[in-house]
């Protein structure tokens, strides 16, 4: 039996990844999520009767779980580190939560931890925050592996770069750990529905309003460079660089044939984010499509509004990337050391 725990649990991406690997041979010791709508979605998709479900990480005393957790997984809120946000860093309410993650690691001392955050975390305060955070984890006796990973490199066509830090108490497992080779990916068209409701299409009147009057709108609605096979990364906050949230869809028949094969990063906004050009119209990706592009299967139960589901998909870790990392952690237990380690 593998025992995991999650913080900043969201809708349970780590739990979905663990289930794909271990099936019924894993148990979630505890989860922690403050957003009430994410808690509703989590409860609908995971058996919370078998795990302690905490609301506020600041009120979570993890010392009672000391030595009982194989893998702790979590990605603290990224808005204060994002390059398109205000860059408040650890002085922001959300940015300071990295130290709550550190505290949980210190208290429960898992055999392995996985930490996820945006790429911009590396450059806050000229990298001092990242270095201090990593050194603090190392001071607890963990051997830390850090890498920028992209969702598109592990089977799903979404351009989403995230920092992952994997820490091991066992030095032999750390030296044996390595990432899986990058895999070929499906096309974006494979993740899209053929029939989409009218509410997901943007009217000409709405497009004109964005371009001429909307105070937060930046730029124009025009296609990106068609020679690229990867769209620009989408924003995680509504109101910033909205034109990054559109990709070209060249029709060959009804709603088929897509110019770009990679989806931009799924965002937390349902306003003008995640849009496709269908024939001569622009539409948003549907909530289900966004979930698919984060690695969630269609078995995921959508039990909240579209706006909340967009937010949840945008905030989630990519299931396919977490699955790869967990498989490699499991493989490292065999202690087959890397050449040159």
C-alpha atoms as a PDB file:
ATOM      1  CA  UNK A   1       0.000   0.000   0.000  1.00  0.00           C
ATOM      2  CA  UNK A   2       1.271   3.464  -0.946  1.00  0.00           C
ATOM      3  CA  UNK A   3       0.240   6.301   1.343  1.00  0.00           C
ATOM      4  CA  UNK A   4      -0.006   9.781  -0.136  1.00  0.00           C
ATOM      5  CA  UNK A   5      -1.156  13.161   1.137  1.00  0.00           C
ATOM      6  CA  UNK A   6      -1.957  16.354  -0.744  1.00  0.00           C
ATOM      7  CA  UNK A   7      -2.075  20.043   0.118  1.00  0.00           C
ATOM      8  CA  UNK A   8      -3.500  22.799  -2.067  1.00  0.00           C
ATOM      9  CA  UNK A   9      -5.374  19.758  -3.328  1.00  0.00           C
ATOM     10  CA  UNK A  10      -7.750  21.517  -5.740  1.00  0.00           C
ATOM     11  CA  UNK A  11      -9.886  18.961  -7.550  1.00  0.00           C
ATOM     12  CA  UNK A  12      -7.475  16.130  -6.854  1.00  0.00           C
ATOM     13  CA  UNK A  13      -5.143  15.894  -9.843  1.00  0.00           C
ATOM     14  CA  UNK A  14      -2.565  14.050  -7.741  1.00  0.00           C
ATOM     15  CA  UNK A  15      -5.199  11.614  -6.529  1.00  0.00           C
ATOM     16  CA  UNK A  16      -6.256  10.868 -10.119  1.00  0.00           C
ATOM     17  CA  UNK A  17      -2.618  10.261 -11.066  1.00  0.00           C
ATOM     18  CA  UNK A  18      -2.075   7.988  -8.068  1.00  0.00           C
ATOM     19  CA  UNK A  19      -5.185   5.989  -8.913  1.00  0.00           C
ATOM     20  CA  UNK A  20      -3.909   5.414 -12.447  1.00  0.00           C
ATOM     21  CA  UNK A  21      -0.670   3.966 -11.059  1.00  0.00           C
ATOM     22  CA  UNK A  22      -1.659   2.048  -7.937  1.00  0.00           C
ATOM     23  CA  UNK A  23      -5.389   1.522  -8.395  1.00  0.00           C
ATOM     24  CA  UNK A  24      -6.823   0.450  -5.056  1.00  0.00           C
ATOM     25  CA  UNK A  25      -3.332  -0.085  -3.644  1.00  0.00           C
ATOM     26  CA  UNK A  26      -2.952   3.482  -2.467  1.00  0.00           C
ATOM     27  CA  UNK A  27      -4.547   5.455   0.305  1.00  0.00           C
ATOM     28  CA  UNK A  28      -4.846   9.204   0.696  1.00  0.00           C
ATOM     29  CA  UNK A  29      -4.008  10.104   4.294  1.00  0.00           C
ATOM     30  CA  UNK A  30      -5.149  13.701   4.084  1.00  0.00           C
ATOM     31  CA  UNK A  31      -6.055  16.461   1.652  1.00  0.00           C
ATOM     32  CA  UNK A  32      -6.331  20.211   2.152  1.00  0.00           C
ATOM     33  CA  UNK A  33      -8.205  22.765   0.046  1.00  0.00           C
ATOM     34  CA  UNK A  34      -9.655  26.138   1.039  1.00  0.00           C
ATOM     35  CA  UNK A  35     -11.781  26.922  -2.034  1.00  0.00           C
ATOM     36  CA  UNK A  36     -15.334  25.794  -1.318  1.00  0.00           C
ATOM     37  CA  UNK A  37     -16.184  25.004  -4.939  1.00  0.00           C
ATOM     38  CA  UNK A  38     -13.017  22.955  -5.407  1.00  0.00           C
ATOM     39  CA  UNK A  39     -13.938  21.088  -2.225  1.00  0.00           C
ATOM     40  CA  UNK A  40     -17.339  20.261  -3.733  1.00  0.00           C
ATOM     41  CA  UNK A  41     -15.718  18.935  -6.920  1.00  0.00           C
ATOM     42  CA  UNK A  42     -13.105  17.016  -4.928  1.00  0.00           C
ATOM     43  CA  UNK A  43     -15.758  15.375  -2.765  1.00  0.00           C
ATOM     44  CA  UNK A  44     -17.740  14.321  -5.852  1.00  0.00           C
ATOM     45  CA  UNK A  45     -14.717  12.627  -7.414  1.00  0.00           C
ATOM     46  CA  UNK A  46     -12.827  11.154  -4.455  1.00  0.00           C
ATOM     47  CA  UNK A  47     -13.736   9.126  -1.396  1.00  0.00           C
ATOM     48  CA  UNK A  48     -13.222  11.676   1.362  1.00  0.00           C
ATOM     49  CA  UNK A  49     -14.475   9.258   4.013  1.00  0.00           C
ATOM     50  CA  UNK A  50     -11.121   7.490   3.887  1.00  0.00           C
ATOM     51  CA  UNK A  51      -9.023  10.631   4.311  1.00  0.00           C
ATOM     52  CA  UNK A  52      -8.953  13.646   6.573  1.00  0.00           C
ATOM     53  CA  UNK A  53     -10.040  16.654   4.529  1.00  0.00           C
ATOM     54  CA  UNK A  54      -8.722  19.944   5.881  1.00  0.00           C
ATOM     55  CA  UNK A  55      -9.850  23.381   4.793  1.00  0.00           C
ATOM     56  CA  UNK A  56      -7.047  25.780   5.728  1.00  0.00           C
ATOM     57  CA  UNK A  57      -3.402  24.758   5.517  1.00  0.00           C
ATOM     58  CA  UNK A  58      -2.565  27.291   8.225  1.00  0.00           C
ATOM     59  CA  UNK A  59      -4.685  25.266  10.640  1.00  0.00           C
ATOM     60  CA  UNK A  60      -3.306  21.880   9.581  1.00  0.00           C
ATOM     61  CA  UNK A  61      -1.017  20.246  12.151  1.00  0.00           C
ATOM     62  CA  UNK A  62       0.762  17.553  10.152  1.00  0.00           C
ATOM     63  CA  UNK A  63       2.923  16.325  13.034  1.00  0.00           C
ATOM     64  CA  UNK A  64       0.362  13.589  13.792  1.00  0.00           C
ATOM     65  CA  UNK A  65       1.205  12.067  10.398  1.00  0.00           C
ATOM     66  CA  UNK A  66       4.960  12.062  10.961  1.00  0.00           C
ATOM     67  CA  UNK A  67       6.565   9.072   9.279  1.00  0.00           C
ATOM     68  CA  UNK A  68       3.235   7.790   7.905  1.00  0.00           C
ATOM     69  CA  UNK A  69       3.312   9.344   4.422  1.00  0.00           C
ATOM     70  CA  UNK A  70       5.149   7.938   1.419  1.00  0.00           C
ATOM     71  CA  UNK A  71       4.587  10.910  -0.906  1.00  0.00           C
ATOM     72  CA  UNK A  72       3.347  14.431  -0.149  1.00  0.00           C
ATOM     73  CA  UNK A  73       2.163  16.369  -3.217  1.00  0.00           C
ATOM     74  CA  UNK A  74       1.126  19.996  -3.587  1.00  0.00           C
ATOM     75  CA  UNK A  75       1.445  23.153  -5.617  1.00  0.00           C
ATOM     76  CA  UNK A  76       0.903  26.376  -3.706  1.00  0.00           C
ATOM     77  CA  UNK A  77      -1.065  29.223  -5.379  1.00  0.00           C
ATOM     78  CA  UNK A  78       1.021  30.756  -8.149  1.00  0.00           C
ATOM     79  CA  UNK A  79      -0.486  34.199  -8.745  1.00  0.00           C
ATOM     80  CA  UNK A  80       2.153  36.062  -6.714  1.00  0.00           C
ATOM     81  CA  UNK A  81       4.928  34.392  -8.722  1.00  0.00           C
ATOM     82  CA  UNK A  82       3.380  34.501 -12.186  1.00  0.00           C
ATOM     83  CA  UNK A  83       5.111  36.689 -14.760  1.00  0.00           C
ATOM     84  CA  UNK A  84       1.753  38.084 -15.817  1.00  0.00           C
ATOM     85  CA  UNK A  85       0.606  38.782 -12.284  1.00  0.00           C
ATOM     86  CA  UNK A  86       1.638  41.487  -9.851  1.00  0.00           C
ATOM     87  CA  UNK A  87       4.812  39.586  -8.871  1.00  0.00           C
ATOM     88  CA  UNK A  88       4.206  40.206  -5.161  1.00  0.00           C
ATOM     89  CA  UNK A  89       6.364  37.197  -4.358  1.00  0.00           C
ATOM     90  CA  UNK A  90       6.454  35.888  -0.798  1.00  0.00           C
ATOM     91  CA  UNK A  91       5.133  39.225   0.459  1.00  0.00           C
ATOM     92  CA  UNK A  92       1.793  38.389  -1.141  1.00  0.00           C
ATOM     93  CA  UNK A  93      -0.806  36.404   0.765  1.00  0.00           C
ATOM     94  CA  UNK A  94      -0.617  33.535  -1.696  1.00  0.00           C
ATOM     95  CA  UNK A  95       3.125  33.636  -2.258  1.00  0.00           C
ATOM     96  CA  UNK A  96       3.809  33.261   1.461  1.00  0.00           C
ATOM     97  CA  UNK A  97       2.067  29.889   1.393  1.00  0.00           C
ATOM     98  CA  UNK A  98       5.256  28.215   0.128  1.00  0.00           C
ATOM     99  CA  UNK A  99       6.443  28.380   3.719  1.00  0.00           C
ATOM    100  CA  UNK A 100       3.290  26.621   4.857  1.00  0.00           C
ATOM    101  CA  UNK A 101       4.241  23.845   2.450  1.00  0.00           C
ATOM    102  CA  UNK A 102       7.713  23.785   4.017  1.00  0.00           C
ATOM    103  CA  UNK A 103       6.142  23.571   7.473  1.00  0.00           C
ATOM    104  CA  UNK A 104       3.968  20.614   6.460  1.00  0.00           C
ATOM    105  CA  UNK A 105       7.031  18.819   5.063  1.00  0.00           C
ATOM    106  CA  UNK A 106       8.929  19.530   8.279  1.00  0.00           C
ATOM    107  CA  UNK A 107       6.097  18.270  10.475  1.00  0.00           C
ATOM    108  CA  UNK A 108       5.129  15.059   8.670  1.00  0.00           C
ATOM    109  CA  UNK A 109       8.492  14.192   7.057  1.00  0.00           C
ATOM    110  CA  UNK A 110       7.232  12.220   4.061  1.00  0.00           C
ATOM    111  CA  UNK A 111       9.619   9.820   2.372  1.00  0.00           C
ATOM    112  CA  UNK A 112       9.218  11.894  -0.805  1.00  0.00           C
ATOM    113  CA  UNK A 113       7.589  15.226  -1.609  1.00  0.00           C
ATOM    114  CA  UNK A 114       6.544  16.787  -4.921  1.00  0.00           C
ATOM    115  CA  UNK A 115       6.165  20.570  -5.125  1.00  0.00           C
ATOM    116  CA  UNK A 116       4.759  22.386  -8.174  1.00  0.00           C
ATOM    117  CA  UNK A 117       4.651  26.064  -9.089  1.00  0.00           C
ATOM    118  CA  UNK A 118       4.935  28.417 -12.051  1.00  0.00           C
ATOM    119  CA  UNK A 119       8.198  28.993 -13.860  1.00  0.00           C
ATOM    120  CA  UNK A 120       8.217  32.597 -12.615  1.00  0.00           C
ATOM    121  CA  UNK A 121       8.876  31.371  -9.074  1.00  0.00           C
ATOM    122  CA  UNK A 122      12.505  30.936 -10.111  1.00  0.00           C
ATOM    123  CA  UNK A 123      13.086  34.635 -10.755  1.00  0.00           C
ATOM    124  CA  UNK A 124      11.304  36.300  -7.817  1.00  0.00           C
ATOM    125  CA  UNK A 125      13.727  38.622  -5.986  1.00  0.00           C
ATOM    126  CA  UNK A 126      16.521  37.597  -8.356  1.00  0.00           C
ATOM    127  CA  UNK A 127      16.049  33.917  -7.462  1.00  0.00           C
ATOM    128  CA  UNK A 128      16.619  34.492  -3.742  1.00  0.00           C
ATOM    129  CA  UNK A 129      13.184  33.140  -2.799  1.00  0.00           C
ATOM    130  CA  UNK A 130      13.674  29.944  -4.781  1.00  0.00           C
ATOM    131  CA  UNK A 131      17.171  29.366  -3.413  1.00  0.00           C
ATOM    132  CA  UNK A 132      16.059  30.014   0.165  1.00  0.00           C
ATOM    133  CA  UNK A 133      13.071  27.705  -0.236  1.00  0.00           C
ATOM    134  CA  UNK A 134      15.194  24.918  -1.723  1.00  0.00           C
ATOM    135  CA  UNK A 135      17.888  25.293   0.934  1.00  0.00           C
ATOM    136  CA  UNK A 136      15.258  25.180   3.680  1.00  0.00           C
ATOM    137  CA  UNK A 137      13.952  21.875   2.332  1.00  0.00           C
ATOM    138  CA  UNK A 138      17.479  20.528   2.041  1.00  0.00           C
ATOM    139  CA  UNK A 139      18.142  21.531   5.644  1.00  0.00           C
ATOM    140  CA  UNK A 140      15.428  19.027   6.613  1.00  0.00           C
ATOM    141  CA  UNK A 141      17.532  16.258   5.107  1.00  0.00           C
ATOM    142  CA  UNK A 142      15.906  16.060   1.690  1.00  0.00           C
ATOM    143  CA  UNK A 143      17.828  15.546  -1.543  1.00  0.00           C
ATOM    144  CA  UNK A 144      16.051  17.809  -4.045  1.00  0.00           C
ATOM    145  CA  UNK A 145      15.656  17.425  -7.783  1.00  0.00           C
ATOM    146  CA  UNK A 146      14.209  20.435  -9.651  1.00  0.00           C
ATOM    147  CA  UNK A 147      13.147  20.757 -13.279  1.00  0.00           C
ATOM    148  CA  UNK A 148      10.876  22.799 -15.558  1.00  0.00           C
ATOM    149  CA  UNK A 149       8.450  20.378 -17.195  1.00  0.00           C
ATOM    150  CA  UNK A 150       5.993  21.033 -19.995  1.00  0.00           C
ATOM    151  CA  UNK A 151       2.651  19.257 -20.244  1.00  0.00           C
ATOM    152  CA  UNK A 152       3.044  18.926 -24.027  1.00  0.00           C
ATOM    153  CA  UNK A 153       6.132  16.730 -23.578  1.00  0.00           C
ATOM    154  CA  UNK A 154       4.142  13.991 -21.869  1.00  0.00           C
ATOM    155  CA  UNK A 155       1.361  13.177 -24.273  1.00  0.00           C
ATOM    156  CA  UNK A 156      -1.151  16.034 -23.976  1.00  0.00           C
ATOM    157  CA  UNK A 157      -1.096  18.994 -26.435  1.00  0.00           C
ATOM    158  CA  UNK A 158      -1.070  21.869 -23.960  1.00  0.00           C
ATOM    159  CA  UNK A 159       1.868  24.258 -23.694  1.00  0.00           C
ATOM    160  CA  UNK A 160       2.161  24.523 -19.915  1.00  0.00           C
ATOM    161  CA  UNK A 161       5.552  24.966 -18.277  1.00  0.00           C
ATOM    162  CA  UNK A 162       5.745  24.401 -14.539  1.00  0.00           C
ATOM    163  CA  UNK A 163       8.504  24.026 -11.976  1.00  0.00           C
ATOM    164  CA  UNK A 164       8.562  20.676 -10.177  1.00  0.00           C
ATOM    165  CA  UNK A 165      10.727  19.965  -7.144  1.00  0.00           C
ATOM    166  CA  UNK A 166      11.003  16.349  -6.010  1.00  0.00           C
ATOM    167  CA  UNK A 167      12.613  15.732  -2.626  1.00  0.00           C
ATOM    168  CA  UNK A 168      13.836  12.380  -1.267  1.00  0.00           C
ATOM    169  CA  UNK A 169      14.855  11.466   2.258  1.00  0.00           C
ATOM    170  CA  UNK A 170      16.595   8.412   0.845  1.00  0.00           C
ATOM    171  CA  UNK A 171      19.740   9.491  -0.991  1.00  0.00           C
ATOM    172  CA  UNK A 172      19.931   6.280  -3.019  1.00  0.00           C
ATOM    173  CA  UNK A 173      16.435   6.864  -4.398  1.00  0.00           C
ATOM    174  CA  UNK A 174      17.363  10.456  -5.240  1.00  0.00           C
ATOM    175  CA  UNK A 175      20.380   9.329  -7.264  1.00  0.00           C
ATOM    176  CA  UNK A 176      18.303   6.667  -8.998  1.00  0.00           C
ATOM    177  CA  UNK A 177      15.507   9.082  -9.890  1.00  0.00           C
ATOM    178  CA  UNK A 178      15.258  10.346 -13.454  1.00  0.00           C
ATOM    179  CA  UNK A 179      12.503  11.757 -15.612  1.00  0.00           C
ATOM    180  CA  UNK A 180      10.815   9.574 -18.190  1.00  0.00           C
ATOM    181  CA  UNK A 181      11.681  10.281 -21.836  1.00  0.00           C
ATOM    182  CA  UNK A 182       9.445  12.789 -23.578  1.00  0.00           C
ATOM    183  CA  UNK A 183       6.557  11.178 -25.398  1.00  0.00           C
ATOM    184  CA  UNK A 184       4.735  11.919 -28.626  1.00  0.00           C
ATOM    185  CA  UNK A 185       1.519  13.838 -28.206  1.00  0.00           C
ATOM    186  CA  UNK A 186      -1.939  13.658 -29.656  1.00  0.00           C
ATOM    187  CA  UNK A 187      -3.394  16.492 -31.698  1.00  0.00           C
ATOM    188  CA  UNK A 188      -5.529  19.182 -30.146  1.00  0.00           C
ATOM    189  CA  UNK A 189      -8.411  18.064 -32.344  1.00  0.00           C
ATOM    190  CA  UNK A 190      -8.471  14.760 -30.448  1.00  0.00           C
ATOM    191  CA  UNK A 191      -9.518  16.621 -27.277  1.00  0.00           C
ATOM    192  CA  UNK A 192     -12.309  18.730 -28.727  1.00  0.00           C
ATOM    193  CA  UNK A 193     -16.020  18.051 -29.020  1.00  0.00           C
ATOM    194  CA  UNK A 194     -17.590  18.099 -32.454  1.00  0.00           C
ATOM    195  CA  UNK A 195     -20.832  19.663 -31.259  1.00  0.00           C
ATOM    196  CA  UNK A 196     -20.499  22.650 -28.950  1.00  0.00           C
ATOM    197  CA  UNK A 197     -23.288  24.730 -27.439  1.00  0.00           C
ATOM    198  CA  UNK A 198     -23.968  28.218 -28.734  1.00  0.00           C
ATOM    199  CA  UNK A 199     -23.114  29.775 -25.366  1.00  0.00           C
ATOM    200  CA  UNK A 200     -19.426  29.040 -25.931  1.00  0.00           C
ATOM    201  CA  UNK A 201     -19.214  31.181 -29.080  1.00  0.00           C
ATOM    202  CA  UNK A 202     -18.383  34.883 -28.885  1.00  0.00           C
ATOM    203  CA  UNK A 203     -20.638  37.238 -30.794  1.00  0.00           C
ATOM    204  CA  UNK A 204     -19.336  39.919 -33.138  1.00  0.00           C
ATOM    205  CA  UNK A 205     -20.810  42.512 -30.804  1.00  0.00           C
ATOM    206  CA  UNK A 206     -18.868  41.127 -27.863  1.00  0.00           C
ATOM    207  CA  UNK A 207     -15.626  40.997 -29.841  1.00  0.00           C
ATOM    208  CA  UNK A 208     -16.098  44.618 -30.907  1.00  0.00           C
ATOM    209  CA  UNK A 209     -16.741  45.618 -27.310  1.00  0.00           C
ATOM    210  CA  UNK A 210     -13.510  43.992 -26.130  1.00  0.00           C
ATOM    211  CA  UNK A 211     -11.477  45.726 -28.810  1.00  0.00           C
ATOM    212  CA  UNK A 212     -12.936  49.201 -28.434  1.00  0.00           C
ATOM    213  CA  UNK A 213     -14.181  49.662 -24.875  1.00  0.00           C
ATOM    214  CA  UNK A 214     -13.075  46.988 -22.459  1.00  0.00           C
ATOM    215  CA  UNK A 215     -10.524  48.626 -20.172  1.00  0.00           C
ATOM    216  CA  UNK A 216      -8.591  45.446 -19.445  1.00  0.00           C
ATOM    217  CA  UNK A 217      -8.441  44.231 -23.009  1.00  0.00           C
ATOM    218  CA  UNK A 218      -4.964  44.409 -24.516  1.00  0.00           C
ATOM    219  CA  UNK A 219      -4.349  43.932 -28.193  1.00  0.00           C
ATOM    220  CA  UNK A 220      -6.424  42.710 -31.118  1.00  0.00           C
ATOM    221  CA  UNK A 221      -8.207  39.508 -32.019  1.00  0.00           C
ATOM    222  CA  UNK A 222      -5.998  38.216 -34.802  1.00  0.00           C
ATOM    223  CA  UNK A 223      -4.409  34.818 -35.462  1.00  0.00           C
ATOM    224  CA  UNK A 224      -0.980  33.955 -34.091  1.00  0.00           C
ATOM    225  CA  UNK A 225       1.886  32.908 -36.323  1.00  0.00           C
ATOM    226  CA  UNK A 226       0.467  30.001 -38.282  1.00  0.00           C
ATOM    227  CA  UNK A 227       3.926  28.543 -38.887  1.00  0.00           C
ATOM    228  CA  UNK A 228       4.225  27.644 -35.201  1.00  0.00           C
ATOM    229  CA  UNK A 229       2.911  24.326 -33.938  1.00  0.00           C
ATOM    230  CA  UNK A 230       2.453  25.664 -30.434  1.00  0.00           C
ATOM    231  CA  UNK A 231       0.242  28.530 -29.320  1.00  0.00           C
ATOM    232  CA  UNK A 232       1.352  31.161 -26.848  1.00  0.00           C
ATOM    233  CA  UNK A 233       0.896  30.348 -23.204  1.00  0.00           C
ATOM    234  CA  UNK A 234      -2.488  31.461 -21.947  1.00  0.00           C
ATOM    235  CA  UNK A 235      -2.809  33.754 -18.962  1.00  0.00           C
ATOM    236  CA  UNK A 236      -3.946  32.573 -15.553  1.00  0.00           C
ATOM    237  CA  UNK A 237      -5.569  35.881 -14.609  1.00  0.00           C
ATOM    238  CA  UNK A 238      -8.424  37.469 -16.551  1.00  0.00           C
ATOM    239  CA  UNK A 239      -7.573  40.849 -17.994  1.00  0.00           C
ATOM    240  CA  UNK A 240      -3.963  40.270 -18.954  1.00  0.00           C
ATOM    241  CA  UNK A 241      -2.821  39.820 -22.557  1.00  0.00           C
ATOM    242  CA  UNK A 242      -6.136  38.418 -23.686  1.00  0.00           C
ATOM    243  CA  UNK A 243      -5.008  37.839 -27.255  1.00  0.00           C
ATOM    244  CA  UNK A 244      -2.789  35.000 -26.042  1.00  0.00           C
ATOM    245  CA  UNK A 245      -5.936  33.033 -25.358  1.00  0.00           C
ATOM    246  CA  UNK A 246      -6.876  32.316 -28.973  1.00  0.00           C
ATOM    247  CA  UNK A 247      -5.726  29.724 -31.462  1.00  0.00           C
ATOM    248  CA  UNK A 248      -6.487  29.171 -35.134  1.00  0.00           C
ATOM    249  CA  UNK A 249      -9.008  26.550 -36.196  1.00  0.00           C
ATOM    250  CA  UNK A 250      -9.064  25.897 -39.925  1.00  0.00           C
ATOM    251  CA  UNK A 251     -12.289  24.075 -40.836  1.00  0.00           C
ATOM    252  CA  UNK A 252     -12.379  21.086 -43.150  1.00  0.00           C
ATOM    253  CA  UNK A 253     -16.013  20.178 -42.717  1.00  0.00           C
ATOM    254  CA  UNK A 254     -17.933  20.953 -39.556  1.00  0.00           C
ATOM    255  CA  UNK A 255     -15.664  21.827 -36.646  1.00  0.00           C
ATOM    256  CA  UNK A 256     -12.762  19.711 -37.877  1.00  0.00           C
ATOM    257  CA  UNK A 257      -9.207  20.394 -38.959  1.00  0.00           C
ATOM    258  CA  UNK A 258      -7.094  22.509 -36.620  1.00  0.00           C
ATOM    259  CA  UNK A 259      -4.125  24.622 -37.672  1.00  0.00           C
ATOM    260  CA  UNK A 260      -2.380  24.338 -34.304  1.00  0.00           C
ATOM    261  CA  UNK A 261      -1.722  20.996 -32.673  1.00  0.00           C
ATOM    262  CA  UNK A 262      -0.853  22.294 -29.198  1.00  0.00           C
ATOM    263  CA  UNK A 263      -3.226  23.989 -26.789  1.00  0.00           C
ATOM    264  CA  UNK A 264      -2.054  26.992 -24.786  1.00  0.00           C
ATOM    265  CA  UNK A 265      -1.970  26.737 -21.005  1.00  0.00           C
ATOM    266  CA  UNK A 266      -5.440  26.200 -19.563  1.00  0.00           C
ATOM    267  CA  UNK A 267      -6.481  29.235 -17.565  1.00  0.00           C
ATOM    268  CA  UNK A 268      -8.634  29.885 -14.532  1.00  0.00           C
ATOM    269  CA  UNK A 269     -10.911  32.336 -16.365  1.00  0.00           C
ATOM    270  CA  UNK A 270     -14.095  31.590 -18.246  1.00  0.00           C
ATOM    271  CA  UNK A 271     -14.423  35.048 -19.825  1.00  0.00           C
ATOM    272  CA  UNK A 272     -12.451  35.200 -23.051  1.00  0.00           C
ATOM    273  CA  UNK A 273      -9.826  32.597 -22.245  1.00  0.00           C
ATOM    274  CA  UNK A 274      -9.392  29.302 -24.049  1.00  0.00           C
ATOM    275  CA  UNK A 275     -10.891  30.194 -27.405  1.00  0.00           C
ATOM    276  CA  UNK A 276     -11.016  28.562 -30.820  1.00  0.00           C
ATOM    277  CA  UNK A 277     -11.857  29.940 -34.237  1.00  0.00           C
ATOM    278  CA  UNK A 278     -14.643  27.816 -35.711  1.00  0.00           C
ATOM    279  CA  UNK A 279     -15.337  28.583 -39.359  1.00  0.00           C
ATOM    280  CA  UNK A 280     -15.411  32.374 -38.973  1.00  0.00           C
ATOM    281  CA  UNK A 281     -16.321  32.473 -35.307  1.00  0.00           C
ATOM    282  CA  UNK A 282     -14.346  32.409 -32.081  1.00  0.00           C
ATOM    283  CA  UNK A 283     -15.303  30.166 -29.214  1.00  0.00           C
ATOM    284  CA  UNK A 284     -14.069  29.236 -25.807  1.00  0.00           C
ATOM    285  CA  UNK A 285     -12.916  25.760 -24.976  1.00  0.00           C
ATOM    286  CA  UNK A 286     -15.641  24.033 -23.018  1.00  0.00           C
ATOM    287  CA  UNK A 287     -15.049  23.050 -19.369  1.00  0.00           C
ATOM    288  CA  UNK A 288     -14.824  19.383 -20.384  1.00  0.00           C
ATOM    289  CA  UNK A 289     -12.227  20.173 -23.046  1.00  0.00           C
ATOM    290  CA  UNK A 290     -10.165  22.106 -20.508  1.00  0.00           C
ATOM    291  CA  UNK A 291     -10.249  19.181 -18.111  1.00  0.00           C
ATOM    292  CA  UNK A 292      -9.148  16.803 -20.859  1.00  0.00           C
ATOM    293  CA  UNK A 293      -6.227  19.079 -21.649  1.00  0.00           C
ATOM    294  CA  UNK A 294      -5.174  18.794 -18.009  1.00  0.00           C
ATOM    295  CA  UNK A 295      -5.192  15.016 -18.188  1.00  0.00           C
ATOM    296  CA  UNK A 296      -8.572  14.366 -16.531  1.00  0.00           C
ATOM    297  CA  UNK A 297     -10.651  11.631 -18.092  1.00  0.00           C
ATOM    298  CA  UNK A 298     -14.294  12.095 -18.993  1.00  0.00           C
ATOM    299  CA  UNK A 299     -15.126  10.143 -15.835  1.00  0.00           C
ATOM    300  CA  UNK A 300     -14.451  13.343 -13.892  1.00  0.00           C
ATOM    301  CA  UNK A 301     -17.768  14.577 -12.532  1.00  0.00           C
ATOM    302  CA  UNK A 302     -18.495  18.247 -13.207  1.00  0.00           C
ATOM    303  CA  UNK A 303     -20.706  19.368 -10.330  1.00  0.00           C
ATOM    304  CA  UNK A 304     -20.155  23.134 -10.275  1.00  0.00           C
ATOM    305  CA  UNK A 305     -20.752  26.002 -12.711  1.00  0.00           C
ATOM    306  CA  UNK A 306     -18.783  26.532 -15.920  1.00  0.00           C
ATOM    307  CA  UNK A 307     -16.966  29.509 -14.406  1.00  0.00           C
ATOM    308  CA  UNK A 308     -15.823  27.475 -11.410  1.00  0.00           C
ATOM    309  CA  UNK A 309     -14.823  24.520 -13.598  1.00  0.00           C
ATOM    310  CA  UNK A 310     -12.666  26.777 -15.781  1.00  0.00           C
ATOM    311  CA  UNK A 311     -10.992  28.077 -12.633  1.00  0.00           C
ATOM    312  CA  UNK A 312     -10.462  24.581 -11.280  1.00  0.00           C
ATOM    313  CA  UNK A 313      -8.953  23.292 -14.518  1.00  0.00           C
ATOM    314  CA  UNK A 314      -6.637  26.292 -14.738  1.00  0.00           C
ATOM    315  CA  UNK A 315      -5.457  25.883 -11.160  1.00  0.00           C
ATOM    316  CA  UNK A 316      -4.954  22.112 -11.383  1.00  0.00           C
ATOM    317  CA  UNK A 317      -1.688  20.318 -11.853  1.00  0.00           C
ATOM    318  CA  UNK A 318      -1.475  18.353 -15.102  1.00  0.00           C
ATOM    319  CA  UNK A 319      -2.456  14.784 -14.277  1.00  0.00           C
ATOM    320  CA  UNK A 320      -0.197  13.346 -16.967  1.00  0.00           C
ATOM    321  CA  UNK A 321       2.897  15.097 -15.587  1.00  0.00           C
ATOM    322  CA  UNK A 322       2.181  14.089 -11.983  1.00  0.00           C
ATOM    323  CA  UNK A 323       1.569  10.528 -13.149  1.00  0.00           C
ATOM    324  CA  UNK A 324       4.955  10.466 -14.886  1.00  0.00           C
ATOM    325  CA  UNK A 325       6.720  11.795 -11.783  1.00  0.00           C
ATOM    326  CA  UNK A 326       5.014   9.288  -9.483  1.00  0.00           C
ATOM    327  CA  UNK A 327       5.917   6.408 -11.800  1.00  0.00           C
ATOM    328  CA  UNK A 328       9.539   7.535 -11.785  1.00  0.00           C
ATOM    329  CA  UNK A 329       9.527   7.837  -7.987  1.00  0.00           C
ATOM    330  CA  UNK A 330       8.237   4.263  -7.831  1.00  0.00           C
ATOM    331  CA  UNK A 331      10.928   3.112 -10.266  1.00  0.00           C
ATOM    332  CA  UNK A 332      13.649   4.827  -8.211  1.00  0.00           C
ATOM    333  CA  UNK A 333      12.910   2.464  -5.327  1.00  0.00           C
ATOM    334  CA  UNK A 334      14.785  -0.185  -7.316  1.00  0.00           C
ATOM    335  CA  UNK A 335      17.867   2.045  -6.923  1.00  0.00           C
ATOM    336  CA  UNK A 336      19.121   1.565 -10.452  1.00  0.00           C
ATOM    337  CA  UNK A 337      21.539   4.478 -10.386  1.00  0.00           C
ATOM    338  CA  UNK A 338      21.928   6.891 -13.272  1.00  0.00           C
ATOM    339  CA  UNK A 339      25.187   6.864 -15.162  1.00  0.00           C
ATOM    340  CA  UNK A 340      27.515   9.543 -13.870  1.00  0.00           C
ATOM    341  CA  UNK A 341      25.592  10.040 -10.621  1.00  0.00           C
END
